[in-house]
Amino acid sequence: ELAISHISATSVGLDVWAEAEVTAVDGSIITFAVTAYDEKGKIGEGTHKRAVITSQKFLDKVYAKL
């Protein structure tokens, strides 16, 4: 899951970077607060949720679709 807000445009040539912080862990779900910046300040922010998975179980589901 990804929910983002675009705050400001970035001019060509400016450096851009992002920072993420773990804000919650609920079982296998990890939630991050993410903020993006350019040299002039904040350009975006949001949240990102990821699930910790078992590689083989994931691959089994992928190959089952073939």
PDB file of N, CA and C in Angstrom:
ATOM      1  N   GLU A   1       0.849  -1.175   0.000  1.00  0.00           N
ATOM      2  CA  GLU A   1       0.000   0.000   0.000  1.00  0.00           C
ATOM      3  C   GLU A   1       0.890   1.232   0.000  1.00  0.00           C
ATOM      4  N   LEU A   2       0.517   2.206  -0.814  1.00  0.00           N
ATOM      5  CA  LEU A   2       1.285   3.441  -0.919  1.00  0.00           C
ATOM      6  C   LEU A   2       0.315   4.607  -1.002  1.00  0.00           C
ATOM      7  N   ALA A   3       0.464   5.582  -0.110  1.00  0.00           N
ATOM      8  CA  ALA A   3      -0.371   6.788  -0.115  1.00  0.00           C
ATOM      9  C   ALA A   3       0.567   7.989  -0.043  1.00  0.00           C
ATOM     10  N   ILE A   4       0.584   8.786  -1.110  1.00  0.00           N
ATOM     11  CA  ILE A   4       1.526   9.902  -1.165  1.00  0.00           C
ATOM     12  C   ILE A   4       0.832  11.211  -1.515  1.00  0.00           C
ATOM     13  N   SER A   5       1.462  12.292  -1.102  1.00  0.00           N
ATOM     14  CA  SER A   5       1.023  13.639  -1.463  1.00  0.00           C
ATOM     15  C   SER A   5       2.189  14.359  -2.114  1.00  0.00           C
ATOM     16  N   HIS A   6       1.926  14.927  -3.294  1.00  0.00           N
ATOM     17  CA  HIS A   6       2.924  15.734  -3.991  1.00  0.00           C
ATOM     18  C   HIS A   6       2.755  17.166  -3.504  1.00  0.00           C
ATOM     19  N   ILE A   7       3.814  17.735  -2.938  1.00  0.00           N
ATOM     20  CA  ILE A   7       3.729  19.060  -2.335  1.00  0.00           C
ATOM     21  C   ILE A   7       4.295  20.148  -3.236  1.00  0.00           C
ATOM     22  N   SER A   8       5.396  19.832  -3.917  1.00  0.00           N
ATOM     23  CA  SER A   8       6.078  20.860  -4.689  1.00  0.00           C
ATOM     24  C   SER A   8       6.866  20.237  -5.825  1.00  0.00           C
ATOM     25  N   ALA A   9       6.937  20.950  -6.951  1.00  0.00           N
ATOM     26  CA  ALA A   9       7.744  20.501  -8.085  1.00  0.00           C
ATOM     27  C   ALA A   9       9.225  20.741  -7.807  1.00  0.00           C
ATOM     28  N   THR A  10      10.063  19.972  -8.487  1.00  0.00           N
ATOM     29  CA  THR A  10      11.512  20.124  -8.362  1.00  0.00           C
ATOM     30  C   THR A  10      12.081  20.587  -9.693  1.00  0.00           C
ATOM     31  N   SER A  11      12.930  21.591  -9.651  1.00  0.00           N
ATOM     32  CA  SER A  11      13.576  22.086 -10.866  1.00  0.00           C
ATOM     33  C   SER A  11      14.634  21.103 -11.351  1.00  0.00           C
ATOM     34  N   VAL A  12      14.821  21.070 -12.658  1.00  0.00           N
ATOM     35  CA  VAL A  12      15.858  20.241 -13.253  1.00  0.00           C
ATOM     36  C   VAL A  12      17.203  20.609 -12.640  1.00  0.00           C
ATOM     37  N   GLY A  13      17.983  19.598 -12.287  1.00  0.00           N
ATOM     38  CA  GLY A  13      19.328  19.824 -11.761  1.00  0.00           C
ATOM     39  C   GLY A  13      19.431  19.781 -10.245  1.00  0.00           C
ATOM     40  N   LEU A  14      18.296  19.866  -9.525  1.00  0.00           N
ATOM     41  CA  LEU A  14      18.355  19.797  -8.061  1.00  0.00           C
ATOM     42  C   LEU A  14      18.473  18.351  -7.598  1.00  0.00           C
ATOM     43  N   ASP A  15      19.197  18.136  -6.512  1.00  0.00           N
ATOM     44  CA  ASP A  15      19.273  16.810  -5.906  1.00  0.00           C
ATOM     45  C   ASP A  15      17.961  16.501  -5.195  1.00  0.00           C
ATOM     46  N   VAL A  16      17.542  15.239  -5.257  1.00  0.00           N
ATOM     47  CA  VAL A  16      16.311  14.772  -4.611  1.00  0.00           C
ATOM     48  C   VAL A  16      16.655  13.561  -3.761  1.00  0.00           C
ATOM     49  N   TRP A  17      16.040  13.463  -2.562  1.00  0.00           N
ATOM     50  CA  TRP A  17      16.246  12.295  -1.706  1.00  0.00           C
ATOM     51  C   TRP A  17      14.993  12.050  -0.875  1.00  0.00           C
ATOM     52  N   ALA A  18      14.929  10.862  -0.307  1.00  0.00           N
ATOM     53  CA  ALA A  18      13.791  10.508   0.533  1.00  0.00           C
ATOM     54  C   ALA A  18      14.286   9.888   1.832  1.00  0.00           C
ATOM     55  N   GLU A  19      13.484  10.063   2.873  1.00  0.00           N
ATOM     56  CA  GLU A  19      13.775   9.476   4.178  1.00  0.00           C
ATOM     57  C   GLU A  19      12.558   8.676   4.603  1.00  0.00           C
ATOM     58  N   ALA A  20      12.797   7.526   5.227  1.00  0.00           N
ATOM     59  CA  ALA A  20      11.706   6.678   5.702  1.00  0.00           C
ATOM     60  C   ALA A  20      11.943   6.303   7.153  1.00  0.00           C
ATOM     61  N   GLU A  21      10.846   6.229   7.907  1.00  0.00           N
ATOM     62  CA  GLU A  21      10.899   5.858   9.315  1.00  0.00           C
ATOM     63  C   GLU A  21       9.814   4.817   9.583  1.00  0.00           C
ATOM     64  N   VAL A  22      10.189   3.734  10.262  1.00  0.00           N
ATOM     65  CA  VAL A  22       9.188   2.741  10.652  1.00  0.00           C
ATOM     66  C   VAL A  22       8.319   3.363  11.741  1.00  0.00           C
ATOM     67  N   THR A  23       6.995   3.378  11.506  1.00  0.00           N
ATOM     68  CA  THR A  23       6.086   3.981  12.474  1.00  0.00           C
ATOM     69  C   THR A  23       5.189   2.957  13.153  1.00  0.00           C
ATOM     70  N   ALA A  24       5.085   1.751  12.574  1.00  0.00           N
ATOM     71  CA  ALA A  24       4.250   0.722  13.195  1.00  0.00           C
ATOM     72  C   ALA A  24       4.635  -0.655  12.663  1.00  0.00           C
ATOM     73  N   VAL A  25       4.477  -1.643  13.520  1.00  0.00           N
ATOM     74  CA  VAL A  25       4.619  -3.034  13.127  1.00  0.00           C
ATOM     75  C   VAL A  25       3.412  -3.761  13.698  1.00  0.00           C
ATOM     76  N   ASP A  26       2.619  -4.364  12.801  1.00  0.00           N
ATOM     77  CA  ASP A  26       1.420  -5.083  13.210  1.00  0.00           C
ATOM     78  C   ASP A  26       1.489  -6.477  12.592  1.00  0.00           C
ATOM     79  N   GLY A  27       2.010  -7.420  13.343  1.00  0.00           N
ATOM     80  CA  GLY A  27       2.227  -8.762  12.793  1.00  0.00           C
ATOM     81  C   GLY A  27       3.258  -8.693  11.693  1.00  0.00           C
ATOM     82  N   SER A  28       2.871  -9.106  10.485  1.00  0.00           N
ATOM     83  CA  SER A  28       3.814  -9.091   9.366  1.00  0.00           C
ATOM     84  C   SER A  28       3.757  -7.794   8.557  1.00  0.00           C
ATOM     85  N   ILE A  29       2.927  -6.826   8.974  1.00  0.00           N
ATOM     86  CA  ILE A  29       2.788  -5.561   8.247  1.00  0.00           C
ATOM     87  C   ILE A  29       3.634  -4.476   8.903  1.00  0.00           C
ATOM     88  N   ILE A  30       4.491  -3.858   8.117  1.00  0.00           N
ATOM     89  CA  ILE A  30       5.352  -2.766   8.586  1.00  0.00           C
ATOM     90  C   ILE A  30       4.910  -1.482   7.890  1.00  0.00           C
ATOM     91  N   THR A  31       4.674  -0.433   8.678  1.00  0.00           N
ATOM     92  CA  THR A  31       4.262   0.859   8.128  1.00  0.00           C
ATOM     93  C   THR A  31       5.407   1.855   8.248  1.00  0.00           C
ATOM     94  N   PHE A  32       5.660   2.572   7.165  1.00  0.00           N
ATOM     95  CA  PHE A  32       6.708   3.580   7.108  1.00  0.00           C
ATOM     96  C   PHE A  32       6.095   4.951   6.849  1.00  0.00           C
ATOM     97  N   ALA A  33       6.634   5.983   7.473  1.00  0.00           N
ATOM     98  CA  ALA A  33       6.353   7.366   7.099  1.00  0.00           C
ATOM     99  C   ALA A  33       7.502   7.773   6.171  1.00  0.00           C
ATOM    100  N   VAL A  34       7.154   8.286   5.000  1.00  0.00           N
ATOM    101  CA  VAL A  34       8.167   8.630   4.004  1.00  0.00           C
ATOM    102  C   VAL A  34       8.045  10.108   3.646  1.00  0.00           C
ATOM    103  N   THR A  35       9.185  10.790   3.589  1.00  0.00           N
ATOM    104  CA  THR A  35       9.220  12.195   3.197  1.00  0.00           C
ATOM    105  C   THR A  35      10.283  12.372   2.121  1.00  0.00           C
ATOM    106  N   ALA A  36       9.941  13.103   1.060  1.00  0.00           N
ATOM    107  CA  ALA A  36      10.878  13.383  -0.032  1.00  0.00           C
ATOM    108  C   ALA A  36      11.236  14.863  -0.016  1.00  0.00           C
ATOM    109  N   TYR A  37      12.487  15.139  -0.356  1.00  0.00           N
ATOM    110  CA  TYR A  37      13.016  16.503  -0.326  1.00  0.00           C
ATOM    111  C   TYR A  37      13.800  16.797  -1.586  1.00  0.00           C
ATOM    112  N   ASP A  38      13.908  18.083  -1.917  1.00  0.00           N
ATOM    113  CA  ASP A  38      14.936  18.553  -2.835  1.00  0.00           C
ATOM    114  C   ASP A  38      15.746  19.605  -2.071  1.00  0.00           C
ATOM    115  N   GLU A  39      16.649  20.235  -2.745  1.00  0.00           N
ATOM    116  CA  GLU A  39      17.536  21.193  -2.076  1.00  0.00           C
ATOM    117  C   GLU A  39      16.805  22.393  -1.484  1.00  0.00           C
ATOM    118  N   LYS A  40      15.573  22.629  -1.899  1.00  0.00           N
ATOM    119  CA  LYS A  40      14.810  23.783  -1.417  1.00  0.00           C
ATOM    120  C   LYS A  40      13.832  23.430  -0.293  1.00  0.00           C
ATOM    121  N   GLY A  41      13.613  22.128  -0.052  1.00  0.00           N
ATOM    122  CA  GLY A  41      12.705  21.741   1.024  1.00  0.00           C
ATOM    123  C   GLY A  41      11.889  20.501   0.700  1.00  0.00           C
ATOM    124  N   LYS A  42      10.818  20.292   1.451  1.00  0.00           N
ATOM    125  CA  LYS A  42       9.963  19.113   1.303  1.00  0.00           C
ATOM    126  C   LYS A  42       9.177  19.189   0.001  1.00  0.00           C
ATOM    127  N   ILE A  43       9.163  18.056  -0.732  1.00  0.00           N
ATOM    128  CA  ILE A  43       8.431  18.001  -1.998  1.00  0.00           C
ATOM    129  C   ILE A  43       7.326  16.938  -1.995  1.00  0.00           C
ATOM    130  N   GLY A  44       7.344  16.056  -1.010  1.00  0.00           N
ATOM    131  CA  GLY A  44       6.319  15.025  -0.949  1.00  0.00           C
ATOM    132  C   GLY A  44       6.374  14.293   0.377  1.00  0.00           C
ATOM    133  N   GLU A  45       5.257  13.638   0.710  1.00  0.00           N
ATOM    134  CA  GLU A  45       5.212  12.858   1.945  1.00  0.00           C
ATOM    135  C   GLU A  45       4.116  11.812   1.833  1.00  0.00           C
ATOM    136  N   GLY A  46       4.200  10.809   2.697  1.00  0.00           N
ATOM    137  CA  GLY A  46       3.157   9.798   2.671  1.00  0.00           C
ATOM    138  C   GLY A  46       3.481   8.625   3.562  1.00  0.00           C
ATOM    139  N   THR A  47       2.722   7.553   3.352  1.00  0.00           N
ATOM    140  CA  THR A  47       2.948   6.325   4.094  1.00  0.00           C
ATOM    141  C   THR A  47       3.109   5.176   3.111  1.00  0.00           C
ATOM    142  N   HIS A  48       3.820   4.163   3.562  1.00  0.00           N
ATOM    143  CA  HIS A  48       4.059   2.975   2.750  1.00  0.00           C
ATOM    144  C   HIS A  48       3.952   1.771   3.666  1.00  0.00           C
ATOM    145  N   LYS A  49       3.125   0.792   3.283  1.00  0.00           N
ATOM    146  CA  LYS A  49       2.987  -0.430   4.074  1.00  0.00           C
ATOM    147  C   LYS A  49       3.560  -1.597   3.290  1.00  0.00           C
ATOM    148  N   ARG A  50       4.324  -2.426   3.990  1.00  0.00           N
ATOM    149  CA  ARG A  50       4.938  -3.603   3.386  1.00  0.00           C
ATOM    150  C   ARG A  50       4.641  -4.814   4.248  1.00  0.00           C
ATOM    151  N   ALA A  51       4.568  -5.961   3.629  1.00  0.00           N
ATOM    152  CA  ALA A  51       4.358  -7.207   4.358  1.00  0.00           C
ATOM    153  C   ALA A  51       5.634  -8.037   4.302  1.00  0.00           C
ATOM    154  N   VAL A  52       6.007  -8.592   5.434  1.00  0.00           N
ATOM    155  CA  VAL A  52       7.116  -9.538   5.482  1.00  0.00           C
ATOM    156  C   VAL A  52       6.568 -10.857   4.936  1.00  0.00           C
ATOM    157  N   ILE A  53       7.258 -11.429   3.968  1.00  0.00           N
ATOM    158  CA  ILE A  53       6.754 -12.636   3.320  1.00  0.00           C
ATOM    159  C   ILE A  53       7.787 -13.759   3.379  1.00  0.00           C
ATOM    160  N   THR A  54       7.309 -14.954   3.117  1.00  0.00           N
ATOM    161  CA  THR A  54       8.179 -16.110   2.933  1.00  0.00           C
ATOM    162  C   THR A  54       8.446 -16.234   1.443  1.00  0.00           C
ATOM    163  N   SER A  55       9.702 -16.213   1.053  1.00  0.00           N
ATOM    164  CA  SER A  55      10.058 -16.199  -0.365  1.00  0.00           C
ATOM    165  C   SER A  55       9.442 -17.358  -1.133  1.00  0.00           C
ATOM    166  N   GLN A  56       9.542 -18.581  -0.621  1.00  0.00           N
ATOM    167  CA  GLN A  56       9.040 -19.730  -1.361  1.00  0.00           C
ATOM    168  C   GLN A  56       7.526 -19.668  -1.532  1.00  0.00           C
ATOM    169  N   LYS A  57       6.808 -19.267  -0.499  1.00  0.00           N
ATOM    170  CA  LYS A  57       5.354 -19.161  -0.589  1.00  0.00           C
ATOM    171  C   LYS A  57       4.969 -18.138  -1.656  1.00  0.00           C
ATOM    172  N   PHE A  58       5.677 -17.004  -1.698  1.00  0.00           N
ATOM    173  CA  PHE A  58       5.438 -15.974  -2.703  1.00  0.00           C
ATOM    174  C   PHE A  58       5.695 -16.524  -4.103  1.00  0.00           C
ATOM    175  N   LEU A  59       6.828 -17.192  -4.291  1.00  0.00           N
ATOM    176  CA  LEU A  59       7.169 -17.740  -5.604  1.00  0.00           C
ATOM    177  C   LEU A  59       6.165 -18.796  -6.046  1.00  0.00           C
ATOM    178  N   ASP A  60       5.689 -19.616  -5.112  1.00  0.00           N
ATOM    179  CA  ASP A  60       4.687 -20.624  -5.452  1.00  0.00           C
ATOM    180  C   ASP A  60       3.432 -19.968  -6.016  1.00  0.00           C
ATOM    181  N   LYS A  61       2.998 -18.854  -5.406  1.00  0.00           N
ATOM    182  CA  LYS A  61       1.819 -18.140  -5.896  1.00  0.00           C
ATOM    183  C   LYS A  61       2.079 -17.528  -7.280  1.00  0.00           C
ATOM    184  N   VAL A  62       3.266 -16.983  -7.484  1.00  0.00           N
ATOM    185  CA  VAL A  62       3.610 -16.384  -8.775  1.00  0.00           C
ATOM    186  C   VAL A  62       3.599 -17.442  -9.870  1.00  0.00           C
ATOM    187  N   TYR A  63       4.265 -18.569  -9.618  1.00  0.00           N
ATOM    188  CA  TYR A  63       4.352 -19.622 -10.644  1.00  0.00           C
ATOM    189  C   TYR A  63       3.011 -20.280 -10.892  1.00  0.00           C
ATOM    190  N   ALA A  64       2.103 -20.266  -9.912  1.00  0.00           N
ATOM    191  CA  ALA A  64       0.777 -20.848 -10.106  1.00  0.00           C
ATOM    192  C   ALA A  64      -0.030 -20.066 -11.134  1.00  0.00           C
ATOM    193  N   LYS A  65       0.333 -18.815 -11.382  1.00  0.00           N
ATOM    194  CA  LYS A  65      -0.377 -17.994 -12.357  1.00  0.00           C
ATOM    195  C   LYS A  65       0.053 -18.278 -13.797  1.00  0.00           C
ATOM    196  N   LEU A  66       1.158 -18.968 -13.955  1.00  0.00           N
ATOM    197  CA  LEU A  66       1.677 -19.229 -15.327  1.00  0.00           C
ATOM    198  C   LEU A  66       0.912 -20.298 -16.050  1.00  0.00           C
TER     199      LEU A  66
END
